[in-house]
Amino acid sequence: MHSYFRCPCWSVSVLNCDLHCHSTCSDGLLPAAEVARRAAANGVAMLALTDHDDLDGLPAARAAADAVGMAFVNGVEISIEWEALQIHILGLAFNRADPALNAGLAAIRSGRIERARRMSAELEKVGIAGAFEGAMRFAANPSLVSRAHFGRYLVESGVCKDLRSVFESYLVPGRPGYVDHRWATLSDSLRWILGAGGLAVVAHPGRYKLSRADMRRFLGEFKDLGGQAIEVMSGSHTAEHVDAFGRLAREHDFLASRGSDFHGPGESYVDLGKLAPLPAGLTPVWQAF
């Protein structure tokens, strides 16, 4: 095991673990190996690469992590739909070769290009031409073209100043460039992750427009289906989110995860490995690996 786990000056609970990040295999800006090397350079002790609905970057990221002596676990971020709301579930420390997991992820990916064409048509209605071709230029893997790739094209073409304003103006429900998609169900995602021997985590729960009662109901369903953890520390979480989801982790007896959700330099809330430690009194998810 990685030497950080034996170092007497570190407690396992405060390891610099970053268990949520992306590469060019989905909507990140850096190749998977470069993501791993950047994480190690930033002092990360354990990394999980969690590309959207795709596992292709895992071998290169693991090889790069091994080369610099950084612990690595397999990861993925699965897009699901729960009561008409898109939510993301992280799978961690699973068998990458599991047939059911791979088939499920392939099914999610299969509709992305058609969705992209419909998004482009909607944007054209409000005077933004060429969005499909523009987005595809940013997508290293065409089958994983996403809203982030459209966002980069809209920034490049001067429609908006940055990705955040693109999403607010065009790419969220109720805005002219948003198109719904048939995602997996919560039950699907947990069946795939647990069936592959992995551990399921709710990604960045502070980003979902759920009332307190609905969030508790969702977390209860997640736990009943075998979910074990929630992301308490996320690059997009405020201090209030950290407090709230730390309390919910204790209330539901969840493990607590920590991940930057890094997509690339200059485009992310926080760089790899630069989040604050988990709050005291929580059990880190990495203790289960």
C-alpha atoms as a PDB file:
ATOM      1  CA  MET A   1       0.000   0.000   0.000  1.00  0.00           C
ATOM      2  CA  HIS A   2       1.072   3.598  -0.575  1.00  0.00           C
ATOM      3  CA  SER A   3       3.579   4.877   1.991  1.00  0.00           C
ATOM      4  CA  TYR A   4       1.261   7.677   3.118  1.00  0.00           C
ATOM      5  CA  PHE A   5      -0.889   5.049   4.800  1.00  0.00           C
ATOM      6  CA  ARG A   6       2.018   3.993   7.024  1.00  0.00           C
ATOM      7  CA  CYS A   7       3.361   7.456   7.841  1.00  0.00           C
ATOM      8  CA  PRO A   8       2.951   8.056  11.604  1.00  0.00           C
ATOM      9  CA  CYS A   9       2.502  11.809  11.062  1.00  0.00           C
ATOM     10  CA  TRP A  10      -0.741  11.274   9.099  1.00  0.00           C
ATOM     11  CA  SER A  11      -4.086  10.080  10.377  1.00  0.00           C
ATOM     12  CA  VAL A  12      -6.051   8.080   7.801  1.00  0.00           C
ATOM     13  CA  SER A  13      -8.977  10.459   8.363  1.00  0.00           C
ATOM     14  CA  VAL A  14      -7.038  13.486   7.089  1.00  0.00           C
ATOM     15  CA  LEU A  15      -5.301  11.954   4.079  1.00  0.00           C
ATOM     16  CA  ASN A  16      -5.301  14.223   1.046  1.00  0.00           C
ATOM     17  CA  CYS A  17      -7.629  12.032  -1.015  1.00  0.00           C
ATOM     18  CA  ASP A  18      -9.294  13.427  -4.152  1.00  0.00           C
ATOM     19  CA  LEU A  19     -12.015  11.042  -5.275  1.00  0.00           C
ATOM     20  CA  HIS A  20     -13.769  13.056  -7.993  1.00  0.00           C
ATOM     21  CA  CYS A  21     -12.123  14.417 -11.150  1.00  0.00           C
ATOM     22  CA  HIS A  22     -12.365  14.229 -14.936  1.00  0.00           C
ATOM     23  CA  SER A  23     -10.165  13.753 -17.992  1.00  0.00           C
ATOM     24  CA  THR A  24     -10.572  14.166 -21.743  1.00  0.00           C
ATOM     25  CA  CYS A  25     -12.257  10.757 -21.715  1.00  0.00           C
ATOM     26  CA  SER A  26     -15.383  12.681 -20.686  1.00  0.00           C
ATOM     27  CA  ASP A  27     -15.529  16.454 -20.213  1.00  0.00           C
ATOM     28  CA  GLY A  28     -12.152  17.238 -18.647  1.00  0.00           C
ATOM     29  CA  LEU A  29      -9.418  19.272 -20.324  1.00  0.00           C
ATOM     30  CA  LEU A  30      -6.400  17.060 -19.536  1.00  0.00           C
ATOM     31  CA  PRO A  31      -5.589  13.472 -20.573  1.00  0.00           C
ATOM     32  CA  ALA A  32      -6.056  10.889 -17.830  1.00  0.00           C
ATOM     33  CA  ALA A  33      -2.335  10.357 -17.199  1.00  0.00           C
ATOM     34  CA  GLU A  34      -1.777  14.096 -16.892  1.00  0.00           C
ATOM     35  CA  VAL A  35      -4.624  14.353 -14.373  1.00  0.00           C
ATOM     36  CA  ALA A  36      -2.907  11.734 -12.225  1.00  0.00           C
ATOM     37  CA  ARG A  37       0.494  13.419 -12.462  1.00  0.00           C
ATOM     38  CA  ARG A  38      -1.021  16.801 -11.571  1.00  0.00           C
ATOM     39  CA  ALA A  39      -2.769  15.261  -8.563  1.00  0.00           C
ATOM     40  CA  ALA A  40       0.471  13.742  -7.311  1.00  0.00           C
ATOM     41  CA  ALA A  41       2.317  17.026  -7.790  1.00  0.00           C
ATOM     42  CA  ASN A  42      -0.379  18.714  -5.689  1.00  0.00           C
ATOM     43  CA  GLY A  43       0.175  16.289  -2.817  1.00  0.00           C
ATOM     44  CA  VAL A  44      -2.752  13.927  -3.378  1.00  0.00           C
ATOM     45  CA  ALA A  45      -2.235  10.624  -1.552  1.00  0.00           C
ATOM     46  CA  MET A  46      -5.109   8.744  -3.188  1.00  0.00           C
ATOM     47  CA  LEU A  47      -6.887   9.587  -6.444  1.00  0.00           C
ATOM     48  CA  ALA A  48     -10.021   8.351  -8.174  1.00  0.00           C
ATOM     49  CA  LEU A  49     -10.619   9.344 -11.797  1.00  0.00           C
ATOM     50  CA  THR A  50     -14.400   9.600 -12.215  1.00  0.00           C
ATOM     51  CA  ASP A  51     -15.199  10.348 -15.832  1.00  0.00           C
ATOM     52  CA  HIS A  52     -18.848  10.615 -16.800  1.00  0.00           C
ATOM     53  CA  ASP A  53     -20.311   7.236 -17.771  1.00  0.00           C
ATOM     54  CA  ASP A  54     -16.983   5.975 -19.109  1.00  0.00           C
ATOM     55  CA  LEU A  55     -14.029   3.916 -17.870  1.00  0.00           C
ATOM     56  CA  ASP A  56     -11.550   4.385 -20.731  1.00  0.00           C
ATOM     57  CA  GLY A  57      -9.205   6.695 -18.803  1.00  0.00           C
ATOM     58  CA  LEU A  58      -8.672   4.359 -15.860  1.00  0.00           C
ATOM     59  CA  PRO A  59      -5.709   2.297 -17.170  1.00  0.00           C
ATOM     60  CA  ALA A  60      -3.651   5.369 -18.133  1.00  0.00           C
ATOM     61  CA  ALA A  61      -4.467   7.157 -14.882  1.00  0.00           C
ATOM     62  CA  ARG A  62      -3.572   4.102 -12.807  1.00  0.00           C
ATOM     63  CA  ALA A  63      -0.288   3.609 -14.655  1.00  0.00           C
ATOM     64  CA  ALA A  64       0.665   7.255 -14.114  1.00  0.00           C
ATOM     65  CA  ALA A  65      -0.320   7.035 -10.432  1.00  0.00           C
ATOM     66  CA  ASP A  66       1.737   3.872  -9.979  1.00  0.00           C
ATOM     67  CA  ALA A  67       4.736   5.555 -11.611  1.00  0.00           C
ATOM     68  CA  VAL A  68       4.766   8.328  -9.013  1.00  0.00           C
ATOM     69  CA  GLY A  69       3.786   6.171  -6.013  1.00  0.00           C
ATOM     70  CA  MET A  70       0.252   7.556  -5.556  1.00  0.00           C
ATOM     71  CA  ALA A  71      -2.601   5.281  -4.500  1.00  0.00           C
ATOM     72  CA  PHE A  72      -5.371   4.954  -7.113  1.00  0.00           C
ATOM     73  CA  VAL A  73      -8.897   3.545  -7.105  1.00  0.00           C
ATOM     74  CA  ASN A  74     -11.201   3.029 -10.066  1.00  0.00           C
ATOM     75  CA  GLY A  75     -13.963   5.611 -10.351  1.00  0.00           C
ATOM     76  CA  VAL A  76     -16.895   6.676 -12.533  1.00  0.00           C
ATOM     77  CA  GLU A  77     -19.627   9.316 -12.341  1.00  0.00           C
ATOM     78  CA  ILE A  78     -22.967   7.878 -13.463  1.00  0.00           C
ATOM     79  CA  SER A  79     -25.745  10.142 -14.713  1.00  0.00           C
ATOM     80  CA  ILE A  80     -29.135   9.164 -13.292  1.00  0.00           C
ATOM     81  CA  GLU A  81     -32.633  10.607 -13.202  1.00  0.00           C
ATOM     82  CA  TRP A  82     -34.620  10.744  -9.969  1.00  0.00           C
ATOM     83  CA  GLU A  83     -38.124  12.235 -10.089  1.00  0.00           C
ATOM     84  CA  ALA A  84     -37.282  14.225 -13.272  1.00  0.00           C
ATOM     85  CA  LEU A  85     -34.073  15.591 -11.732  1.00  0.00           C
ATOM     86  CA  GLN A  86     -30.604  14.684 -13.041  1.00  0.00           C
ATOM     87  CA  ILE A  87     -28.343  13.500 -10.231  1.00  0.00           C
ATOM     88  CA  HIS A  88     -24.836  12.038 -10.349  1.00  0.00           C
ATOM     89  CA  ILE A  89     -23.727   8.922  -8.485  1.00  0.00           C
ATOM     90  CA  LEU A  90     -20.039   8.110  -8.065  1.00  0.00           C
ATOM     91  CA  GLY A  91     -18.847   4.536  -8.161  1.00  0.00           C
ATOM     92  CA  LEU A  92     -15.515   3.883  -6.429  1.00  0.00           C
ATOM     93  CA  ALA A  93     -13.143   0.916  -6.064  1.00  0.00           C
ATOM     94  CA  PHE A  94     -15.014  -1.422  -8.432  1.00  0.00           C
ATOM     95  CA  ASN A  95     -13.926  -4.115 -10.894  1.00  0.00           C
ATOM     96  CA  ARG A  96     -13.387  -2.259 -14.183  1.00  0.00           C
ATOM     97  CA  ALA A  97     -14.053  -5.406 -16.232  1.00  0.00           C
ATOM     98  CA  ASP A  98     -17.513  -6.092 -14.780  1.00  0.00           C
ATOM     99  CA  PRO A  99     -19.842  -6.859 -17.738  1.00  0.00           C
ATOM    100  CA  ALA A 100     -23.057  -5.397 -16.285  1.00  0.00           C
ATOM    101  CA  LEU A 101     -21.386  -2.128 -15.322  1.00  0.00           C
ATOM    102  CA  ASN A 102     -19.825  -1.740 -18.759  1.00  0.00           C
ATOM    103  CA  ALA A 103     -23.079  -2.559 -20.549  1.00  0.00           C
ATOM    104  CA  GLY A 104     -25.003  -0.075 -18.415  1.00  0.00           C
ATOM    105  CA  LEU A 105     -22.544   2.723 -19.078  1.00  0.00           C
ATOM    106  CA  ALA A 106     -22.608   1.965 -22.811  1.00  0.00           C
ATOM    107  CA  ALA A 107     -26.398   2.290 -22.772  1.00  0.00           C
ATOM    108  CA  ILE A 108     -26.181   5.729 -21.155  1.00  0.00           C
ATOM    109  CA  ARG A 109     -23.598   6.911 -23.681  1.00  0.00           C
ATOM    110  CA  SER A 110     -25.552   5.689 -26.677  1.00  0.00           C
ATOM    111  CA  GLY A 111     -27.993   8.600 -26.703  1.00  0.00           C
ATOM    112  CA  ARG A 112     -25.593  11.484 -26.197  1.00  0.00           C
ATOM    113  CA  ILE A 113     -24.909  12.344 -29.853  1.00  0.00           C
ATOM    114  CA  GLU A 114     -28.608  12.524 -30.715  1.00  0.00           C
ATOM    115  CA  ARG A 115     -29.169  14.673 -27.641  1.00  0.00           C
ATOM    116  CA  ALA A 116     -26.333  16.956 -28.812  1.00  0.00           C
ATOM    117  CA  ARG A 117     -28.007  17.408 -32.191  1.00  0.00           C
ATOM    118  CA  ARG A 118     -31.244  18.403 -30.475  1.00  0.00           C
ATOM    119  CA  MET A 119     -29.375  20.837 -28.211  1.00  0.00           C
ATOM    120  CA  SER A 120     -27.796  22.430 -31.272  1.00  0.00           C
ATOM    121  CA  ALA A 121     -31.214  22.788 -32.920  1.00  0.00           C
ATOM    122  CA  GLU A 122     -32.593  24.498 -29.812  1.00  0.00           C
ATOM    123  CA  LEU A 123     -29.647  26.901 -29.680  1.00  0.00           C
ATOM    124  CA  GLU A 124     -30.089  27.703 -33.368  1.00  0.00           C
ATOM    125  CA  LYS A 125     -33.643  28.842 -32.598  1.00  0.00           C
ATOM    126  CA  VAL A 126     -32.178  31.634 -30.433  1.00  0.00           C
ATOM    127  CA  GLY A 127     -29.593  32.655 -33.010  1.00  0.00           C
ATOM    128  CA  ILE A 128     -26.605  30.471 -32.057  1.00  0.00           C
ATOM    129  CA  ALA A 129     -25.466  28.572 -35.142  1.00  0.00           C
ATOM    130  CA  GLY A 130     -22.934  25.757 -35.492  1.00  0.00           C
ATOM    131  CA  ALA A 131     -23.143  24.594 -31.887  1.00  0.00           C
ATOM    132  CA  PHE A 132     -23.102  20.857 -32.685  1.00  0.00           C
ATOM    133  CA  GLU A 133     -19.943  21.088 -34.760  1.00  0.00           C
ATOM    134  CA  GLY A 134     -18.405  23.460 -32.243  1.00  0.00           C
ATOM    135  CA  ALA A 135     -19.118  21.178 -29.303  1.00  0.00           C
ATOM    136  CA  MET A 136     -17.797  18.141 -31.147  1.00  0.00           C
ATOM    137  CA  ARG A 137     -14.449  19.888 -31.647  1.00  0.00           C
ATOM    138  CA  PHE A 138     -14.048  19.949 -27.865  1.00  0.00           C
ATOM    139  CA  ALA A 139     -15.164  16.322 -27.328  1.00  0.00           C
ATOM    140  CA  ALA A 140     -12.230  13.916 -27.517  1.00  0.00           C
ATOM    141  CA  ASN A 141     -14.758  11.083 -27.278  1.00  0.00           C
ATOM    142  CA  PRO A 142     -17.778  11.938 -29.498  1.00  0.00           C
ATOM    143  CA  SER A 143     -20.012   9.431 -27.704  1.00  0.00           C
ATOM    144  CA  LEU A 144     -19.525  11.477 -24.519  1.00  0.00           C
ATOM    145  CA  VAL A 145     -20.306  14.913 -25.931  1.00  0.00           C
ATOM    146  CA  SER A 146     -21.882  16.882 -23.093  1.00  0.00           C
ATOM    147  CA  ARG A 147     -23.168  20.252 -21.995  1.00  0.00           C
ATOM    148  CA  ALA A 148     -19.623  21.191 -20.953  1.00  0.00           C
ATOM    149  CA  HIS A 149     -18.445  20.818 -24.552  1.00  0.00           C
ATOM    150  CA  PHE A 150     -21.290  23.062 -25.742  1.00  0.00           C
ATOM    151  CA  GLY A 151     -20.343  25.496 -23.007  1.00  0.00           C
ATOM    152  CA  ARG A 152     -16.741  25.694 -24.167  1.00  0.00           C
ATOM    153  CA  TYR A 153     -17.901  26.420 -27.713  1.00  0.00           C
ATOM    154  CA  LEU A 154     -20.218  29.203 -26.501  1.00  0.00           C
ATOM    155  CA  VAL A 155     -17.392  30.756 -24.516  1.00  0.00           C
ATOM    156  CA  GLU A 156     -14.990  30.456 -27.452  1.00  0.00           C
ATOM    157  CA  SER A 157     -17.515  32.073 -29.808  1.00  0.00           C
ATOM    158  CA  GLY A 158     -18.129  34.979 -27.415  1.00  0.00           C
ATOM    159  CA  VAL A 159     -21.722  34.180 -26.531  1.00  0.00           C
ATOM    160  CA  CYS A 160     -20.844  34.071 -22.809  1.00  0.00           C
ATOM    161  CA  LYS A 161     -17.783  35.021 -20.787  1.00  0.00           C
ATOM    162  CA  ASP A 162     -17.358  31.745 -18.889  1.00  0.00           C
ATOM    163  CA  LEU A 163     -18.824  28.290 -18.385  1.00  0.00           C
ATOM    164  CA  ARG A 164     -20.845  29.256 -15.347  1.00  0.00           C
ATOM    165  CA  SER A 165     -22.709  31.977 -17.233  1.00  0.00           C
ATOM    166  CA  VAL A 166     -23.262  29.594 -20.182  1.00  0.00           C
ATOM    167  CA  PHE A 167     -24.974  27.079 -17.946  1.00  0.00           C
ATOM    168  CA  GLU A 168     -27.059  29.711 -16.200  1.00  0.00           C
ATOM    169  CA  SER A 169     -28.220  31.226 -19.489  1.00  0.00           C
ATOM    170  CA  TYR A 170     -28.517  28.243 -21.824  1.00  0.00           C
ATOM    171  CA  LEU A 171     -27.824  24.754 -20.517  1.00  0.00           C
ATOM    172  CA  VAL A 172     -30.013  24.121 -17.472  1.00  0.00           C
ATOM    173  CA  PRO A 173     -33.714  23.158 -17.388  1.00  0.00           C
ATOM    174  CA  GLY A 174     -35.916  26.003 -18.573  1.00  0.00           C
ATOM    175  CA  ARG A 175     -33.174  27.609 -20.690  1.00  0.00           C
ATOM    176  CA  PRO A 176     -33.112  27.552 -24.510  1.00  0.00           C
ATOM    177  CA  GLY A 177     -30.253  25.080 -25.008  1.00  0.00           C
ATOM    178  CA  TYR A 178     -31.317  22.451 -22.477  1.00  0.00           C
ATOM    179  CA  VAL A 179     -32.572  19.107 -23.788  1.00  0.00           C
ATOM    180  CA  ASP A 180     -33.619  16.248 -21.540  1.00  0.00           C
ATOM    181  CA  HIS A 181     -32.094  12.809 -21.912  1.00  0.00           C
ATOM    182  CA  ARG A 182     -33.026   9.312 -20.808  1.00  0.00           C
ATOM    183  CA  TRP A 183     -30.542   8.593 -18.012  1.00  0.00           C
ATOM    184  CA  ALA A 184     -30.190   5.547 -15.773  1.00  0.00           C
ATOM    185  CA  THR A 185     -32.326   5.127 -12.669  1.00  0.00           C
ATOM    186  CA  LEU A 186     -30.973   5.289  -9.135  1.00  0.00           C
ATOM    187  CA  SER A 187     -31.636   1.561  -8.833  1.00  0.00           C
ATOM    188  CA  ASP A 188     -29.721   0.884 -12.077  1.00  0.00           C
ATOM    189  CA  SER A 189     -26.642   2.806 -10.969  1.00  0.00           C
ATOM    190  CA  LEU A 190     -26.393   1.142  -7.572  1.00  0.00           C
ATOM    191  CA  ARG A 191     -26.990  -2.314  -9.025  1.00  0.00           C
ATOM    192  CA  TRP A 192     -24.109  -1.794 -11.473  1.00  0.00           C
ATOM    193  CA  ILE A 193     -21.704  -0.321  -8.896  1.00  0.00           C
ATOM    194  CA  LEU A 194     -22.420  -2.810  -6.122  1.00  0.00           C
ATOM    195  CA  GLY A 195     -22.483  -5.713  -8.572  1.00  0.00           C
ATOM    196  CA  ALA A 196     -18.960  -4.736  -9.641  1.00  0.00           C
ATOM    197  CA  GLY A 197     -17.801  -4.819  -6.017  1.00  0.00           C
ATOM    198  CA  GLY A 198     -17.720  -1.029  -5.702  1.00  0.00           C
ATOM    199  CA  LEU A 199     -18.968   1.596  -3.307  1.00  0.00           C
ATOM    200  CA  ALA A 200     -21.667   4.151  -4.248  1.00  0.00           C
ATOM    201  CA  VAL A 201     -21.432   7.858  -3.359  1.00  0.00           C
ATOM    202  CA  VAL A 202     -23.823  10.753  -4.003  1.00  0.00           C
ATOM    203  CA  ALA A 203     -21.798  13.349  -5.924  1.00  0.00           C
ATOM    204  CA  HIS A 204     -21.924  17.052  -4.931  1.00  0.00           C
ATOM    205  CA  PRO A 205     -25.382  16.905  -3.271  1.00  0.00           C
ATOM    206  CA  GLY A 206     -25.388  20.675  -2.729  1.00  0.00           C
ATOM    207  CA  ARG A 207     -25.927  21.215  -6.468  1.00  0.00           C
ATOM    208  CA  TYR A 208     -29.350  19.579  -6.658  1.00  0.00           C
ATOM    209  CA  LYS A 209     -32.503  21.651  -6.375  1.00  0.00           C
ATOM    210  CA  LEU A 210     -34.133  19.524  -3.709  1.00  0.00           C
ATOM    211  CA  SER A 211     -35.998  20.684  -0.633  1.00  0.00           C
ATOM    212  CA  ARG A 212     -34.701  19.451   2.711  1.00  0.00           C
ATOM    213  CA  ALA A 213     -37.522  16.926   2.882  1.00  0.00           C
ATOM    214  CA  ASP A 214     -36.893  15.674  -0.654  1.00  0.00           C
ATOM    215  CA  MET A 215     -33.147  15.420  -0.018  1.00  0.00           C
ATOM    216  CA  ARG A 216     -33.792  13.280   3.046  1.00  0.00           C
ATOM    217  CA  ARG A 217     -36.210  11.143   1.031  1.00  0.00           C
ATOM    218  CA  PHE A 218     -33.673  10.731  -1.772  1.00  0.00           C
ATOM    219  CA  LEU A 219     -30.883   9.825   0.665  1.00  0.00           C
ATOM    220  CA  GLY A 220     -33.174   7.333   2.372  1.00  0.00           C
ATOM    221  CA  GLU A 221     -33.914   5.647  -0.963  1.00  0.00           C
ATOM    222  CA  PHE A 222     -30.213   5.721  -1.856  1.00  0.00           C
ATOM    223  CA  LYS A 223     -29.344   4.005   1.430  1.00  0.00           C
ATOM    224  CA  ASP A 224     -32.129   1.433   1.083  1.00  0.00           C
ATOM    225  CA  LEU A 225     -30.687   0.452  -2.308  1.00  0.00           C
ATOM    226  CA  GLY A 226     -27.217  -0.039  -0.831  1.00  0.00           C
ATOM    227  CA  GLY A 227     -25.675   3.436  -1.112  1.00  0.00           C
ATOM    228  CA  GLN A 228     -22.915   3.957   1.422  1.00  0.00           C
ATOM    229  CA  ALA A 229     -21.543   7.512   1.178  1.00  0.00           C
ATOM    230  CA  ILE A 230     -22.094  11.149   0.232  1.00  0.00           C
ATOM    231  CA  GLU A 231     -19.636  13.738  -0.997  1.00  0.00           C
ATOM    232  CA  VAL A 232     -19.373  16.201   1.872  1.00  0.00           C
ATOM    233  CA  MET A 233     -16.348  18.109   0.570  1.00  0.00           C
ATOM    234  CA  SER A 234     -16.805  19.134  -3.070  1.00  0.00           C
ATOM    235  CA  GLY A 235     -15.289  21.892  -5.149  1.00  0.00           C
ATOM    236  CA  SER A 236     -18.767  23.360  -5.661  1.00  0.00           C
ATOM    237  CA  HIS A 237     -19.846  23.186  -2.003  1.00  0.00           C
ATOM    238  CA  THR A 238     -20.048  26.240   0.215  1.00  0.00           C
ATOM    239  CA  ALA A 239     -19.254  26.154   3.929  1.00  0.00           C
ATOM    240  CA  GLU A 240     -23.006  25.885   4.541  1.00  0.00           C
ATOM    241  CA  HIS A 241     -23.185  22.849   2.249  1.00  0.00           C
ATOM    242  CA  VAL A 242     -20.317  21.188   4.115  1.00  0.00           C
ATOM    243  CA  ASP A 243     -22.079  21.718   7.445  1.00  0.00           C
ATOM    244  CA  ALA A 244     -25.437  20.515   6.116  1.00  0.00           C
ATOM    245  CA  PHE A 245     -24.148  17.387   4.410  1.00  0.00           C
ATOM    246  CA  GLY A 246     -21.836  16.584   7.270  1.00  0.00           C
ATOM    247  CA  ARG A 247     -24.937  16.513   9.490  1.00  0.00           C
ATOM    248  CA  LEU A 248     -26.810  14.357   6.972  1.00  0.00           C
ATOM    249  CA  ALA A 249     -23.879  11.939   6.754  1.00  0.00           C
ATOM    250  CA  ARG A 250     -24.035  11.471  10.524  1.00  0.00           C
ATOM    251  CA  GLU A 251     -27.847  11.254  10.499  1.00  0.00           C
ATOM    252  CA  HIS A 252     -27.904   8.523   7.824  1.00  0.00           C
ATOM    253  CA  ASP A 253     -24.682   6.838   8.990  1.00  0.00           C
ATOM    254  CA  PHE A 254     -22.990   7.497   5.657  1.00  0.00           C
ATOM    255  CA  LEU A 255     -19.291   7.493   4.949  1.00  0.00           C
ATOM    256  CA  ALA A 256     -18.018  10.928   3.892  1.00  0.00           C
ATOM    257  CA  SER A 257     -16.242  11.536   0.602  1.00  0.00           C
ATOM    258  CA  ARG A 258     -14.020  14.353  -0.625  1.00  0.00           C
ATOM    259  CA  GLY A 259     -13.456  15.365  -4.255  1.00  0.00           C
ATOM    260  CA  SER A 260     -12.512  18.489  -6.152  1.00  0.00           C
ATOM    261  CA  ASP A 261     -14.615  17.711  -9.267  1.00  0.00           C
ATOM    262  CA  PHE A 262     -11.606  19.011 -11.188  1.00  0.00           C
ATOM    263  CA  HIS A 263     -12.145  19.426 -14.944  1.00  0.00           C
ATOM    264  CA  GLY A 264      -9.132  21.497 -15.905  1.00  0.00           C
ATOM    265  CA  PRO A 265      -6.957  24.507 -15.089  1.00  0.00           C
ATOM    266  CA  GLY A 266      -8.932  27.727 -15.064  1.00  0.00           C
ATOM    267  CA  GLU A 267     -12.265  25.934 -15.391  1.00  0.00           C
ATOM    268  CA  SER A 268     -12.776  24.338 -11.992  1.00  0.00           C
ATOM    269  CA  TYR A 269     -13.846  25.556  -8.584  1.00  0.00           C
ATOM    270  CA  VAL A 270     -10.688  24.147  -7.021  1.00  0.00           C
ATOM    271  CA  ASP A 271      -7.549  22.369  -8.183  1.00  0.00           C
ATOM    272  CA  LEU A 272      -6.798  18.713  -7.509  1.00  0.00           C
ATOM    273  CA  GLY A 273      -5.952  18.057  -3.879  1.00  0.00           C
ATOM    274  CA  LYS A 274      -6.661  21.620  -2.736  1.00  0.00           C
ATOM    275  CA  LEU A 275      -9.882  21.071  -0.799  1.00  0.00           C
ATOM    276  CA  ALA A 276      -9.961  21.481   2.975  1.00  0.00           C
ATOM    277  CA  PRO A 277      -9.960  18.253   5.019  1.00  0.00           C
ATOM    278  CA  LEU A 278     -13.197  16.527   5.909  1.00  0.00           C
ATOM    279  CA  PRO A 279     -14.860  17.921   9.057  1.00  0.00           C
ATOM    280  CA  ALA A 280     -14.076  16.149  12.294  1.00  0.00           C
ATOM    281  CA  GLY A 281     -16.367  13.382  13.423  1.00  0.00           C
ATOM    282  CA  LEU A 282     -17.019  11.885   9.964  1.00  0.00           C
ATOM    283  CA  THR A 283     -15.824   8.491   8.746  1.00  0.00           C
ATOM    284  CA  PRO A 284     -13.895   8.904   5.469  1.00  0.00           C
ATOM    285  CA  VAL A 285     -15.048   6.752   2.590  1.00  0.00           C
ATOM    286  CA  TRP A 286     -11.479   5.665   1.862  1.00  0.00           C
ATOM    287  CA  GLN A 287     -11.396   3.702   5.113  1.00  0.00           C
ATOM    288  CA  ALA A 288     -13.676   1.216   3.313  1.00  0.00           C
ATOM    289  CA  PHE A 289     -11.240   0.519   0.453  1.00  0.00           C
END
